[in-house]
Amino acid sequence: AGDPSYAIIEGHDVRQHLERGERLAALSAQLGLSGPYELSFRLALATPGISTILVGFSSLEQLESAITYVNQGPLSASDISQVLRLATA
């Protein structure tokens, strides 16, 4: 992922973004999801105004996973609150 010891954009600390990602990955596990990809996909499904989720699939398995996430539906309001709390911390 590169050297996190310097800011790519002035005022942005890459380490903070990596730590936020780690917290969200841990939340994914806590919620019983397969990982951050499912978390982000189902969060998008739950967000009013988002009508399209652009993804790039490199395997049939990834496409099948996305279909599974759609069939499971959006995250609950409680789960969304937890995601937003961690994402903005």
C-alpha atoms as a PDB file:
ATOM      1  CA  ALA A   1       0.000   0.000   0.000  1.00  0.00           C
ATOM      2  CA  GLY A   2       3.010   2.259  -0.020  1.00  0.00           C
ATOM      3  CA  ASP A   3       4.922   4.063   2.662  1.00  0.00           C
ATOM      4  CA  PRO A   4       2.421   5.420   5.228  1.00  0.00           C
ATOM      5  CA  SER A   5       5.059   7.609   6.870  1.00  0.00           C
ATOM      6  CA  TYR A   6       4.251  10.658   4.750  1.00  0.00           C
ATOM      7  CA  ALA A   7       1.175  12.456   3.504  1.00  0.00           C
ATOM      8  CA  ILE A   8       0.369  12.076  -0.178  1.00  0.00           C
ATOM      9  CA  ILE A   9      -1.896  15.113   0.018  1.00  0.00           C
ATOM     10  CA  GLU A  10      -0.919  17.916   2.357  1.00  0.00           C
ATOM     11  CA  GLY A  11      -2.959  17.710   5.556  1.00  0.00           C
ATOM     12  CA  HIS A  12      -3.866  14.031   5.064  1.00  0.00           C
ATOM     13  CA  ASP A  13      -2.197  11.314   7.077  1.00  0.00           C
ATOM     14  CA  VAL A  14      -2.263   7.965   5.284  1.00  0.00           C
ATOM     15  CA  ARG A  15      -1.941   6.154   8.621  1.00  0.00           C
ATOM     16  CA  GLN A  16      -5.269   7.611   9.753  1.00  0.00           C
ATOM     17  CA  HIS A  17      -6.969   6.218   6.648  1.00  0.00           C
ATOM     18  CA  LEU A  18      -5.358   2.809   7.161  1.00  0.00           C
ATOM     19  CA  GLU A  19      -6.429   2.761  10.820  1.00  0.00           C
ATOM     20  CA  ARG A  20      -9.974   3.711   9.837  1.00  0.00           C
ATOM     21  CA  GLY A  21      -9.981   0.837   7.349  1.00  0.00           C
ATOM     22  CA  GLU A  22      -8.799  -1.559  10.042  1.00  0.00           C
ATOM     23  CA  ARG A  23     -11.595  -0.411  12.371  1.00  0.00           C
ATOM     24  CA  LEU A  24     -14.183  -0.894   9.631  1.00  0.00           C
ATOM     25  CA  ALA A  25     -12.780  -4.350   8.812  1.00  0.00           C
ATOM     26  CA  ALA A  26     -13.117  -5.278  12.490  1.00  0.00           C
ATOM     27  CA  LEU A  27     -16.695  -3.987  12.511  1.00  0.00           C
ATOM     28  CA  SER A  28     -17.430  -6.145   9.456  1.00  0.00           C
ATOM     29  CA  ALA A  29     -16.363  -9.205  11.414  1.00  0.00           C
ATOM     30  CA  GLN A  30     -18.312  -8.097  14.483  1.00  0.00           C
ATOM     31  CA  LEU A  31     -21.467  -7.758  12.369  1.00  0.00           C
ATOM     32  CA  GLY A  32     -20.953 -11.242  10.936  1.00  0.00           C
ATOM     33  CA  LEU A  33     -20.219  -9.975   7.426  1.00  0.00           C
ATOM     34  CA  SER A  34     -17.688 -11.511   5.070  1.00  0.00           C
ATOM     35  CA  GLY A  35     -15.521  -8.380   5.144  1.00  0.00           C
ATOM     36  CA  PRO A  36     -15.239  -4.703   4.257  1.00  0.00           C
ATOM     37  CA  TYR A  37     -16.401  -5.322   0.682  1.00  0.00           C
ATOM     38  CA  GLU A  38     -19.756  -6.638   1.897  1.00  0.00           C
ATOM     39  CA  LEU A  39     -19.973  -3.831   4.441  1.00  0.00           C
ATOM     40  CA  SER A  40     -19.437  -1.143   1.811  1.00  0.00           C
ATOM     41  CA  PHE A  41     -21.713  -2.805  -0.746  1.00  0.00           C
ATOM     42  CA  ARG A  42     -24.618  -3.155   1.668  1.00  0.00           C
ATOM     43  CA  LEU A  43     -24.061   0.344   3.064  1.00  0.00           C
ATOM     44  CA  ALA A  44     -24.435   1.687  -0.474  1.00  0.00           C
ATOM     45  CA  LEU A  45     -27.652  -0.328  -0.860  1.00  0.00           C
ATOM     46  CA  ALA A  46     -28.968   1.356   2.289  1.00  0.00           C
ATOM     47  CA  THR A  47     -28.094   4.887   1.210  1.00  0.00           C
ATOM     48  CA  PRO A  48     -30.928   6.906  -0.341  1.00  0.00           C
ATOM     49  CA  GLY A  49     -29.907   8.544  -3.582  1.00  0.00           C
ATOM     50  CA  ILE A  50     -27.424   5.857  -4.609  1.00  0.00           C
ATOM     51  CA  SER A  51     -28.904   4.090  -7.605  1.00  0.00           C
ATOM     52  CA  THR A  52     -25.747   2.476  -8.955  1.00  0.00           C
ATOM     53  CA  ILE A  53     -22.794   0.706  -7.370  1.00  0.00           C
ATOM     54  CA  LEU A  54     -19.835   0.565  -9.742  1.00  0.00           C
ATOM     55  CA  VAL A  55     -17.574  -2.394  -9.129  1.00  0.00           C
ATOM     56  CA  GLY A  56     -14.959  -4.268 -11.094  1.00  0.00           C
ATOM     57  CA  PHE A  57     -15.147  -8.019 -10.980  1.00  0.00           C
ATOM     58  CA  SER A  58     -12.117 -10.130 -11.770  1.00  0.00           C
ATOM     59  CA  SER A  59     -13.810 -13.457 -11.130  1.00  0.00           C
ATOM     60  CA  LEU A  60     -17.186 -15.127 -11.256  1.00  0.00           C
ATOM     61  CA  GLU A  61     -16.924 -15.646  -7.486  1.00  0.00           C
ATOM     62  CA  GLN A  62     -16.829 -11.870  -6.927  1.00  0.00           C
ATOM     63  CA  LEU A  63     -19.948 -11.406  -9.035  1.00  0.00           C
ATOM     64  CA  GLU A  64     -21.724 -14.173  -7.139  1.00  0.00           C
ATOM     65  CA  SER A  65     -20.747 -12.540  -3.829  1.00  0.00           C
ATOM     66  CA  ALA A  66     -22.204  -9.216  -4.974  1.00  0.00           C
ATOM     67  CA  ILE A  67     -25.454 -10.937  -5.920  1.00  0.00           C
ATOM     68  CA  THR A  68     -25.540 -12.536  -2.464  1.00  0.00           C
ATOM     69  CA  TYR A  69     -25.106  -9.117  -0.822  1.00  0.00           C
ATOM     70  CA  VAL A  70     -27.988  -7.688  -2.842  1.00  0.00           C
ATOM     71  CA  ASN A  71     -30.182 -10.611  -1.835  1.00  0.00           C
ATOM     72  CA  GLN A  72     -29.296 -10.034   1.840  1.00  0.00           C
ATOM     73  CA  GLY A  73     -30.406  -6.435   1.509  1.00  0.00           C
ATOM     74  CA  PRO A  74     -29.130  -3.192   2.970  1.00  0.00           C
ATOM     75  CA  LEU A  75     -27.529  -2.813   6.372  1.00  0.00           C
ATOM     76  CA  SER A  76     -29.834  -2.135   9.296  1.00  0.00           C
ATOM     77  CA  ALA A  77     -30.140   1.366  10.730  1.00  0.00           C
ATOM     78  CA  SER A  78     -28.156   0.243  13.775  1.00  0.00           C
ATOM     79  CA  ASP A  79     -25.338  -1.135  11.608  1.00  0.00           C
ATOM     80  CA  ILE A  80     -25.269   2.063   9.542  1.00  0.00           C
ATOM     81  CA  SER A  81     -24.908   4.133  12.702  1.00  0.00           C
ATOM     82  CA  GLN A  82     -21.907   2.049  13.763  1.00  0.00           C
ATOM     83  CA  VAL A  83     -20.279   2.391  10.338  1.00  0.00           C
ATOM     84  CA  LEU A  84     -20.743   6.167  10.280  1.00  0.00           C
ATOM     85  CA  ARG A  85     -19.409   6.529  13.814  1.00  0.00           C
ATOM     86  CA  LEU A  86     -16.221   4.636  12.934  1.00  0.00           C
ATOM     87  CA  ALA A  87     -15.815   6.190   9.490  1.00  0.00           C
ATOM     88  CA  THR A  88     -15.909   9.720  10.856  1.00  0.00           C
ATOM     89  CA  ALA A  89     -13.751   9.084  13.944  1.00  0.00           C
END
